[in-house]
Every structure is written in structure tokens, then in C-alpha cells.
Amino acid sequence: MIIKIIAIVVISLIISLVSLAFFMSVIRKAFNIINEITPDIDEIKEILRGNTAVSEYYSRVVSAVIIGISIIFSVVLIISFGLIK
């Protein structure tokens, strides 16, 4: 009984860590895609200069990407935890 609980905890941790690593790499790729879409604008420099339009655009796009990926990962985690049982 205890061994089964430990196995489930270990599997859950492994799935969570793999999902987190994948999530972080996808977010990094999203930043690169945003930079490729707007080649003439350096978003970080514009934000540091106080350009509020760029900062609002950048924050909305990044937050939309994060929310979308979070929804996808939550479904994947729910399915994977359902398969463990």
C-alpha cells in the first residue's frame, strides 16, 4: 500500500516536472515568435523607455499565450493522472 502511494507521488512529480520544463520552453519560444513578428520593434527597450502602448500589447499577447498553454497542460495533466489509476 505504501509502495503504491510512493510510486504515484513519484510519477506525479515526474509528470509535473516534465510539464513545467515543456511549459517554460514553449513560453520562451513564444517570446521569440513575438520578436520575429515585430522585427523593427525591440519590445523590451520600448517598455523601458515608458512606451505604454507596447507594454500593453506585449503583456496581453504574453498573458494570452500563458493562459492558452496552461489550459492545454491542465487537460494533459488531468488525463495523465486519470491514466495512473
Foldseek 3Di string as FASTA:
>chain_A
DVVLVVVLVVVLVVLVVVLVVVLVVVLVVQVVVVCVVPVVDDLVVCVVVPPVVSVVVVVVSSVVVSVVSVVVVVVVSVVVSVVSD
